[in-house]
Amino acid sequence: MAESERLARIEEMLGGLLKKMDEHVVDGAKWREEQRNLLFGKDGGPGLVVRLDRLEQDSARARWVTRAVIGAVISLVVAALAGAHL
């Protein structure tokens, strides 16, 4: 094989490799954008960060309401028992 043929083959192989690298770079940028949209939302919609924050707030609110109801029930039971003994 002549030296010019070898160089032509190497250039062809390098061209193919560069093309594949360019495709992966574009795919990587697209993937990063999709992940950013997933986490932080797209077009004003909520992302996972906002949704998780809302779930945590709902959980805290439900925990507070449950404790308030339990406290009210205990107070009513104590008041009823105190009234029954008078």
PDB file of N, CA and C in Angstrom:
ATOM      1  N   MET A   1       0.848  -1.167   0.000  1.00  0.00           N
ATOM      2  CA  MET A   1       0.000   0.000   0.000  1.00  0.00           C
ATOM      3  C   MET A   1       0.902   1.242   0.000  1.00  0.00           C
ATOM      4  N   ALA A   2       0.566   2.137  -0.830  1.00  0.00           N
ATOM      5  CA  ALA A   2       1.382   3.344  -0.955  1.00  0.00           C
ATOM      6  C   ALA A   2       1.118   4.267   0.233  1.00  0.00           C
ATOM      7  N   GLU A   3       2.104   5.118   0.485  1.00  0.00           N
ATOM      8  CA  GLU A   3       2.000   6.038   1.617  1.00  0.00           C
ATOM      9  C   GLU A   3       0.814   6.985   1.467  1.00  0.00           C
ATOM     10  N   SER A   4       0.536   7.423   0.270  1.00  0.00           N
ATOM     11  CA  SER A   4      -0.597   8.336   0.048  1.00  0.00           C
ATOM     12  C   SER A   4      -1.924   7.626   0.305  1.00  0.00           C
ATOM     13  N   GLU A   5      -1.996   6.346  -0.020  1.00  0.00           N
ATOM     14  CA  GLU A   5      -3.217   5.586   0.245  1.00  0.00           C
ATOM     15  C   GLU A   5      -3.421   5.418   1.750  1.00  0.00           C
ATOM     16  N   ARG A   6      -2.340   5.148   2.467  1.00  0.00           N
ATOM     17  CA  ARG A   6      -2.419   5.015   3.919  1.00  0.00           C
ATOM     18  C   ARG A   6      -2.872   6.338   4.548  1.00  0.00           C
ATOM     19  N   LEU A   7      -2.308   7.424   4.083  1.00  0.00           N
ATOM     20  CA  LEU A   7      -2.711   8.731   4.606  1.00  0.00           C
ATOM     21  C   LEU A   7      -4.178   9.023   4.301  1.00  0.00           C
ATOM     22  N   ALA A   8      -4.626   8.640   3.117  1.00  0.00           N
ATOM     23  CA  ALA A   8      -6.024   8.852   2.741  1.00  0.00           C
ATOM     24  C   ALA A   8      -6.939   8.039   3.654  1.00  0.00           C
ATOM     25  N   ARG A   9      -6.550   6.797   3.953  1.00  0.00           N
ATOM     26  CA  ARG A   9      -7.359   5.953   4.848  1.00  0.00           C
ATOM     27  C   ARG A   9      -7.390   6.539   6.266  1.00  0.00           C
ATOM     28  N   ILE A  10      -6.242   7.002   6.716  1.00  0.00           N
ATOM     29  CA  ILE A  10      -6.175   7.594   8.060  1.00  0.00           C
ATOM     30  C   ILE A  10      -7.038   8.848   8.115  1.00  0.00           C
ATOM     31  N   GLU A  11      -6.973   9.682   7.092  1.00  0.00           N
ATOM     32  CA  GLU A  11      -7.806  10.883   7.058  1.00  0.00           C
ATOM     33  C   GLU A  11      -9.282  10.518   7.036  1.00  0.00           C
ATOM     34  N   GLU A  12      -9.638   9.486   6.315  1.00  0.00           N
ATOM     35  CA  GLU A  12     -11.026   9.035   6.245  1.00  0.00           C
ATOM     36  C   GLU A  12     -11.480   8.541   7.620  1.00  0.00           C
ATOM     37  N   MET A  13     -10.627   7.779   8.296  1.00  0.00           N
ATOM     38  CA  MET A  13     -10.958   7.287   9.630  1.00  0.00           C
ATOM     39  C   MET A  13     -11.096   8.441  10.619  1.00  0.00           C
ATOM     40  N   LEU A  14     -10.185   9.408  10.544  1.00  0.00           N
ATOM     41  CA  LEU A  14     -10.269  10.570  11.418  1.00  0.00           C
ATOM     42  C   LEU A  14     -11.537  11.377  11.161  1.00  0.00           C
ATOM     43  N   GLY A  15     -11.902  11.491   9.896  1.00  0.00           N
ATOM     44  CA  GLY A  15     -13.140  12.199   9.557  1.00  0.00           C
ATOM     45  C   GLY A  15     -14.351  11.519  10.184  1.00  0.00           C
ATOM     46  N   GLY A  16     -14.384  10.188  10.108  1.00  0.00           N
ATOM     47  CA  GLY A  16     -15.487   9.442  10.725  1.00  0.00           C
ATOM     48  C   GLY A  16     -15.516   9.607  12.232  1.00  0.00           C
ATOM     49  N   LEU A  17     -14.334   9.557  12.850  1.00  0.00           N
ATOM     50  CA  LEU A  17     -14.264   9.740  14.300  1.00  0.00           C
ATOM     51  C   LEU A  17     -14.698  11.138  14.719  1.00  0.00           C
ATOM     52  N   LEU A  18     -14.274  12.140  13.966  1.00  0.00           N
ATOM     53  CA  LEU A  18     -14.681  13.518  14.284  1.00  0.00           C
ATOM     54  C   LEU A  18     -16.193  13.690  14.148  1.00  0.00           C
ATOM     55  N   LYS A  19     -16.765  13.048  13.136  1.00  0.00           N
ATOM     56  CA  LYS A  19     -18.215  13.129  12.943  1.00  0.00           C
ATOM     57  C   LYS A  19     -18.931  12.496  14.132  1.00  0.00           C
ATOM     58  N   LYS A  20     -18.466  11.334  14.583  1.00  0.00           N
ATOM     59  CA  LYS A  20     -19.082  10.678  15.737  1.00  0.00           C
ATOM     60  C   LYS A  20     -18.932  11.531  17.001  1.00  0.00           C
ATOM     61  N   MET A  21     -17.758  12.139  17.168  1.00  0.00           N
ATOM     62  CA  MET A  21     -17.556  13.007  18.329  1.00  0.00           C
ATOM     63  C   MET A  21     -18.514  14.192  18.299  1.00  0.00           C
ATOM     64  N   ASP A  22     -18.692  14.792  17.136  1.00  0.00           N
ATOM     65  CA  ASP A  22     -19.623  15.916  17.016  1.00  0.00           C
ATOM     66  C   ASP A  22     -21.041  15.491  17.373  1.00  0.00           C
ATOM     67  N   GLU A  23     -21.451  14.302  16.936  1.00  0.00           N
ATOM     68  CA  GLU A  23     -22.791  13.800  17.257  1.00  0.00           C
ATOM     69  C   GLU A  23     -22.943  13.623  18.760  1.00  0.00           C
ATOM     70  N   HIS A  24     -21.919  13.095  19.415  1.00  0.00           N
ATOM     71  CA  HIS A  24     -21.996  12.895  20.853  1.00  0.00           C
ATOM     72  C   HIS A  24     -21.995  14.210  21.610  1.00  0.00           C
ATOM     73  N   VAL A  25     -21.259  15.182  21.138  1.00  0.00           N
ATOM     74  CA  VAL A  25     -21.258  16.493  21.798  1.00  0.00           C
ATOM     75  C   VAL A  25     -22.641  17.114  21.704  1.00  0.00           C
ATOM     76  N   VAL A  26     -23.278  17.018  20.546  1.00  0.00           N
ATOM     77  CA  VAL A  26     -24.628  17.548  20.383  1.00  0.00           C
ATOM     78  C   VAL A  26     -25.589  16.777  21.268  1.00  0.00           C
ATOM     79  N   ASP A  27     -25.449  15.435  21.284  1.00  0.00           N
ATOM     80  CA  ASP A  27     -26.314  14.635  22.135  1.00  0.00           C
ATOM     81  C   ASP A  27     -26.109  14.979  23.603  1.00  0.00           C
ATOM     82  N   GLY A  28     -24.868  15.217  24.014  1.00  0.00           N
ATOM     83  CA  GLY A  28     -24.583  15.581  25.399  1.00  0.00           C
ATOM     84  C   GLY A  28     -25.207  16.908  25.771  1.00  0.00           C
ATOM     85  N   ALA A  29     -25.125  17.882  24.883  1.00  0.00           N
ATOM     86  CA  ALA A  29     -25.730  19.193  25.146  1.00  0.00           C
ATOM     87  C   ALA A  29     -27.245  19.063  25.223  1.00  0.00           C
ATOM     88  N   LYS A  30     -27.815  18.266  24.335  1.00  0.00           N
ATOM     89  CA  LYS A  30     -29.265  18.047  24.336  1.00  0.00           C
ATOM     90  C   LYS A  30     -29.678  17.356  25.645  1.00  0.00           C
ATOM     91  N   TRP A  31     -28.901  16.365  26.072  1.00  0.00           N
ATOM     92  CA  TRP A  31     -29.200  15.639  27.301  1.00  0.00           C
ATOM     93  C   TRP A  31     -29.139  16.579  28.509  1.00  0.00           C
ATOM     94  N   ARG A  32     -28.102  17.432  28.551  1.00  0.00           N
ATOM     95  CA  ARG A  32     -27.983  18.381  29.661  1.00  0.00           C
ATOM     96  C   ARG A  32     -29.167  19.342  29.697  1.00  0.00           C
ATOM     97  N   GLU A  33     -29.602  19.787  28.539  1.00  0.00           N
ATOM     98  CA  GLU A  33     -30.758  20.687  28.477  1.00  0.00           C
ATOM     99  C   GLU A  33     -32.023  19.980  28.961  1.00  0.00           C
ATOM    100  N   GLU A  34     -32.194  18.715  28.565  1.00  0.00           N
ATOM    101  CA  GLU A  34     -33.359  17.950  29.013  1.00  0.00           C
ATOM    102  C   GLU A  34     -33.339  17.766  30.525  1.00  0.00           C
ATOM    103  N   GLN A  35     -32.160  17.491  31.084  1.00  0.00           N
ATOM    104  CA  GLN A  35     -32.042  17.310  32.526  1.00  0.00           C
ATOM    105  C   GLN A  35     -32.324  18.619  33.256  1.00  0.00           C
ATOM    106  N   ARG A  36     -31.844  19.716  32.724  1.00  0.00           N
ATOM    107  CA  ARG A  36     -32.104  21.033  33.324  1.00  0.00           C
ATOM    108  C   ARG A  36     -33.605  21.326  33.311  1.00  0.00           C
ATOM    109  N   ASN A  37     -34.265  21.036  32.186  1.00  0.00           N
ATOM    110  CA  ASN A  37     -35.710  21.254  32.093  1.00  0.00           C
ATOM    111  C   ASN A  37     -36.462  20.362  33.067  1.00  0.00           C
ATOM    112  N   LEU A  38     -36.007  19.129  33.222  1.00  0.00           N
ATOM    113  CA  LEU A  38     -36.645  18.201  34.145  1.00  0.00           C
ATOM    114  C   LEU A  38     -36.535  18.698  35.582  1.00  0.00           C
ATOM    115  N   LEU A  39     -35.363  19.159  35.959  1.00  0.00           N
ATOM    116  CA  LEU A  39     -35.151  19.606  37.335  1.00  0.00           C
ATOM    117  C   LEU A  39     -35.821  20.935  37.644  1.00  0.00           C
ATOM    118  N   PHE A  40     -35.672  21.892  36.756  1.00  0.00           N
ATOM    119  CA  PHE A  40     -36.103  23.256  37.067  1.00  0.00           C
ATOM    120  C   PHE A  40     -37.343  23.712  36.310  1.00  0.00           C
ATOM    121  N   GLY A  41     -37.864  22.880  35.409  1.00  0.00           N
ATOM    122  CA  GLY A  41     -39.074  23.230  34.682  1.00  0.00           C
ATOM    123  C   GLY A  41     -38.778  23.851  33.334  1.00  0.00           C
ATOM    124  N   LYS A  42     -39.787  23.850  32.502  1.00  0.00           N
ATOM    125  CA  LYS A  42     -39.656  24.383  31.155  1.00  0.00           C
ATOM    126  C   LYS A  42     -40.879  25.233  30.850  1.00  0.00           C
ATOM    127  N   ASP A  43     -40.657  26.366  30.241  1.00  0.00           N
ATOM    128  CA  ASP A  43     -41.740  27.273  29.839  1.00  0.00           C
ATOM    129  C   ASP A  43     -42.644  27.643  31.007  1.00  0.00           C
ATOM    130  N   GLY A  44     -42.048  27.910  32.148  1.00  0.00           N
ATOM    131  CA  GLY A  44     -42.820  28.333  33.308  1.00  0.00           C
ATOM    132  C   GLY A  44     -43.465  27.205  34.085  1.00  0.00           C
ATOM    133  N   GLY A  45     -43.341  25.979  33.616  1.00  0.00           N
ATOM    134  CA  GLY A  45     -43.909  24.837  34.334  1.00  0.00           C
ATOM    135  C   GLY A  45     -43.008  24.429  35.480  1.00  0.00           C
ATOM    136  N   PRO A  46     -43.578  23.773  36.477  1.00  0.00           N
ATOM    137  CA  PRO A  46     -42.757  23.374  37.618  1.00  0.00           C
ATOM    138  C   PRO A  46     -41.850  22.202  37.271  1.00  0.00           C
ATOM    139  N   GLY A  47     -40.659  22.236  37.783  1.00  0.00           N
ATOM    140  CA  GLY A  47     -39.735  21.123  37.628  1.00  0.00           C
ATOM    141  C   GLY A  47     -39.770  20.257  38.873  1.00  0.00           C
ATOM    142  N   LEU A  48     -38.898  19.276  38.921  1.00  0.00           N
ATOM    143  CA  LEU A  48     -38.865  18.371  40.065  1.00  0.00           C
ATOM    144  C   LEU A  48     -38.500  19.092  41.356  1.00  0.00           C
ATOM    145  N   VAL A  49     -37.661  20.105  41.271  1.00  0.00           N
ATOM    146  CA  VAL A  49     -37.263  20.839  42.469  1.00  0.00           C
ATOM    147  C   VAL A  49     -38.480  21.517  43.092  1.00  0.00           C
ATOM    148  N   VAL A  50     -39.290  22.172  42.274  1.00  0.00           N
ATOM    149  CA  VAL A  50     -40.487  22.856  42.770  1.00  0.00           C
ATOM    150  C   VAL A  50     -41.501  21.841  43.276  1.00  0.00           C
ATOM    151  N   ARG A  51     -41.667  20.753  42.540  1.00  0.00           N
ATOM    152  CA  ARG A  51     -42.631  19.739  42.954  1.00  0.00           C
ATOM    153  C   ARG A  51     -42.230  19.115  44.288  1.00  0.00           C
ATOM    154  N   LEU A  52     -40.952  18.828  44.455  1.00  0.00           N
ATOM    155  CA  LEU A  52     -40.473  18.251  45.711  1.00  0.00           C
ATOM    156  C   LEU A  52     -40.676  19.234  46.852  1.00  0.00           C
ATOM    157  N   ASP A  53     -40.414  20.508  46.620  1.00  0.00           N
ATOM    158  CA  ASP A  53     -40.626  21.519  47.644  1.00  0.00           C
ATOM    159  C   ASP A  53     -42.100  21.566  48.050  1.00  0.00           C
ATOM    160  N   ARG A  54     -42.979  21.488  47.071  1.00  0.00           N
ATOM    161  CA  ARG A  54     -44.418  21.508  47.379  1.00  0.00           C
ATOM    162  C   ARG A  54     -44.823  20.271  48.175  1.00  0.00           C
ATOM    163  N   LEU A  55     -44.262  19.112  47.832  1.00  0.00           N
ATOM    164  CA  LEU A  55     -44.564  17.899  48.590  1.00  0.00           C
ATOM    165  C   LEU A  55     -44.084  18.016  50.036  1.00  0.00           C
ATOM    166  N   GLU A  56     -42.901  18.585  50.223  1.00  0.00           N
ATOM    167  CA  GLU A  56     -42.386  18.764  51.582  1.00  0.00           C
ATOM    168  C   GLU A  56     -43.267  19.721  52.371  1.00  0.00           C
ATOM    169  N   GLN A  57     -43.744  20.786  51.728  1.00  0.00           N
ATOM    170  CA  GLN A  57     -44.632  21.733  52.399  1.00  0.00           C
ATOM    171  C   GLN A  57     -45.960  21.064  52.765  1.00  0.00           C
ATOM    172  N   ASP A  58     -46.509  20.262  51.848  1.00  0.00           N
ATOM    173  CA  ASP A  58     -47.758  19.548  52.127  1.00  0.00           C
ATOM    174  C   ASP A  58     -47.582  18.572  53.280  1.00  0.00           C
ATOM    175  N   SER A  59     -46.441  17.891  53.310  1.00  0.00           N
ATOM    176  CA  SER A  59     -46.172  16.945  54.391  1.00  0.00           C
ATOM    177  C   SER A  59     -46.088  17.672  55.732  1.00  0.00           C
ATOM    178  N   ALA A  60     -45.405  18.796  55.763  1.00  0.00           N
ATOM    179  CA  ALA A  60     -45.287  19.571  57.004  1.00  0.00           C
ATOM    180  C   ALA A  60     -46.662  20.075  57.449  1.00  0.00           C
ATOM    181  N   ARG A  61     -47.466  20.523  56.504  1.00  0.00           N
ATOM    182  CA  ARG A  61     -48.805  21.011  56.826  1.00  0.00           C
ATOM    183  C   ARG A  61     -49.676  19.879  57.366  1.00  0.00           C
ATOM    184  N   ALA A  62     -49.609  18.712  56.751  1.00  0.00           N
ATOM    185  CA  ALA A  62     -50.393  17.564  57.214  1.00  0.00           C
ATOM    186  C   ALA A  62     -49.945  17.132  58.611  1.00  0.00           C
ATOM    187  N   ARG A  63     -48.652  17.155  58.868  1.00  0.00           N
ATOM    188  CA  ARG A  63     -48.126  16.794  60.185  1.00  0.00           C
ATOM    189  C   ARG A  63     -48.638  17.788  61.245  1.00  0.00           C
ATOM    190  N   TRP A  64     -48.660  19.078  60.919  1.00  0.00           N
ATOM    191  CA  TRP A  64     -49.138  20.094  61.854  1.00  0.00           C
ATOM    192  C   TRP A  64     -50.624  19.894  62.154  1.00  0.00           C
ATOM    193  N   VAL A  65     -51.427  19.639  61.110  1.00  0.00           N
ATOM    194  CA  VAL A  65     -52.872  19.442  61.293  1.00  0.00           C
ATOM    195  C   VAL A  65     -53.125  18.198  62.138  1.00  0.00           C
ATOM    196  N   THR A  66     -52.387  17.129  61.880  1.00  0.00           N
ATOM    197  CA  THR A  66     -52.557  15.899  62.654  1.00  0.00           C
ATOM    198  C   THR A  66     -52.247  16.149  64.126  1.00  0.00           C
ATOM    199  N   ARG A  67     -51.164  16.843  64.400  1.00  0.00           N
ATOM    200  CA  ARG A  67     -50.813  17.141  65.792  1.00  0.00           C
ATOM    201  C   ARG A  67     -51.856  18.040  66.454  1.00  0.00           C
ATOM    202  N   ALA A  68     -52.387  18.996  65.695  1.00  0.00           N
ATOM    203  CA  ALA A  68     -53.416  19.885  66.247  1.00  0.00           C
ATOM    204  C   ALA A  68     -54.682  19.102  66.582  1.00  0.00           C
ATOM    205  N   VAL A  69     -55.076  18.172  65.716  1.00  0.00           N
ATOM    206  CA  VAL A  69     -56.274  17.360  65.970  1.00  0.00           C
ATOM    207  C   VAL A  69     -56.048  16.456  67.177  1.00  0.00           C
ATOM    208  N   ILE A  70     -54.878  15.833  67.255  1.00  0.00           N
ATOM    209  CA  ILE A  70     -54.583  14.970  68.407  1.00  0.00           C
ATOM    210  C   ILE A  70     -54.607  15.788  69.695  1.00  0.00           C
ATOM    211  N   GLY A  71     -54.031  16.989  69.671  1.00  0.00           N
ATOM    212  CA  GLY A  71     -54.056  17.862  70.850  1.00  0.00           C
ATOM    213  C   GLY A  71     -55.479  18.238  71.237  1.00  0.00           C
ATOM    214  N   ALA A  72     -56.315  18.521  70.259  1.00  0.00           N
ATOM    215  CA  ALA A  72     -57.704  18.891  70.537  1.00  0.00           C
ATOM    216  C   ALA A  72     -58.462  17.706  71.137  1.00  0.00           C
ATOM    217  N   VAL A  73     -58.241  16.529  70.603  1.00  0.00           N
ATOM    218  CA  VAL A  73     -58.917  15.330  71.115  1.00  0.00           C
ATOM    219  C   VAL A  73     -58.485  15.060  72.556  1.00  0.00           C
ATOM    220  N   ILE A  74     -57.190  15.155  72.830  1.00  0.00           N
ATOM    221  CA  ILE A  74     -56.695  14.940  74.199  1.00  0.00           C
ATOM    222  C   ILE A  74     -57.305  15.968  75.139  1.00  0.00           C
ATOM    223  N   SER A  75     -57.373  17.229  74.709  1.00  0.00           N
ATOM    224  CA  SER A  75     -57.978  18.272  75.549  1.00  0.00           C
ATOM    225  C   SER A  75     -59.442  17.971  75.832  1.00  0.00           C
ATOM    226  N   LEU A  76     -60.187  17.514  74.838  1.00  0.00           N
ATOM    227  CA  LEU A  76     -61.604  17.182  75.030  1.00  0.00           C
ATOM    228  C   LEU A  76     -61.768  16.006  75.977  1.00  0.00           C
ATOM    229  N   VAL A  77     -60.890  14.994  75.839  1.00  0.00           N
ATOM    230  CA  VAL A  77     -60.980  13.826  76.717  1.00  0.00           C
ATOM    231  C   VAL A  77     -60.674  14.232  78.154  1.00  0.00           C
ATOM    232  N   VAL A  78     -59.641  15.036  78.350  1.00  0.00           N
ATOM    233  CA  VAL A  78     -59.297  15.495  79.702  1.00  0.00           C
ATOM    234  C   VAL A  78     -60.434  16.332  80.276  1.00  0.00           C
ATOM    235  N   ALA A  79     -61.022  17.215  79.485  1.00  0.00           N
ATOM    236  CA  ALA A  79     -62.121  18.045  79.958  1.00  0.00           C
ATOM    237  C   ALA A  79     -63.347  17.184  80.308  1.00  0.00           C
ATOM    238  N   ALA A  80     -63.601  16.163  79.478  1.00  0.00           N
ATOM    239  CA  ALA A  80     -64.746  15.285  79.753  1.00  0.00           C
ATOM    240  C   ALA A  80     -64.516  14.486  81.028  1.00  0.00           C
ATOM    241  N   LEU A  81     -63.303  13.978  81.223  1.00  0.00           N
ATOM    242  CA  LEU A  81     -63.013  13.223  82.432  1.00  0.00           C
ATOM    243  C   LEU A  81     -63.061  14.116  83.656  1.00  0.00           C
ATOM    244  N   ALA A  82     -62.579  15.336  83.547  1.00  0.00           N
ATOM    245  CA  ALA A  82     -62.610  16.275  84.676  1.00  0.00           C
ATOM    246  C   ALA A  82     -64.046  16.661  84.997  1.00  0.00           C
ATOM    247  N   GLY A  83     -64.873  16.819  83.995  1.00  0.00           N
ATOM    248  CA  GLY A  83     -66.285  17.157  84.211  1.00  0.00           C
ATOM    249  C   GLY A  83     -67.056  15.997  84.800  1.00  0.00           C
ATOM    250  N   ALA A  84     -66.668  14.783  84.491  1.00  0.00           N
ATOM    251  CA  ALA A  84     -67.366  13.600  85.008  1.00  0.00           C
ATOM    252  C   ALA A  84     -67.060  13.390  86.491  1.00  0.00           C
ATOM    253  N   HIS A  85     -65.911  13.813  86.933  1.00  0.00           N
ATOM    254  CA  HIS A  85     -65.540  13.615  88.329  1.00  0.00           C
ATOM    255  C   HIS A  85     -66.063  14.717  89.239  1.00  0.00           C
ATOM    256  N   LEU A  86     -66.546  15.807  88.679  1.00  0.00           N
ATOM    257  CA  LEU A  86     -67.053  16.904  89.510  1.00  0.00           C
ATOM    258  C   LEU A  86     -68.413  16.626  89.942  1.00  0.00           C
TER     259      LEU A  86
END
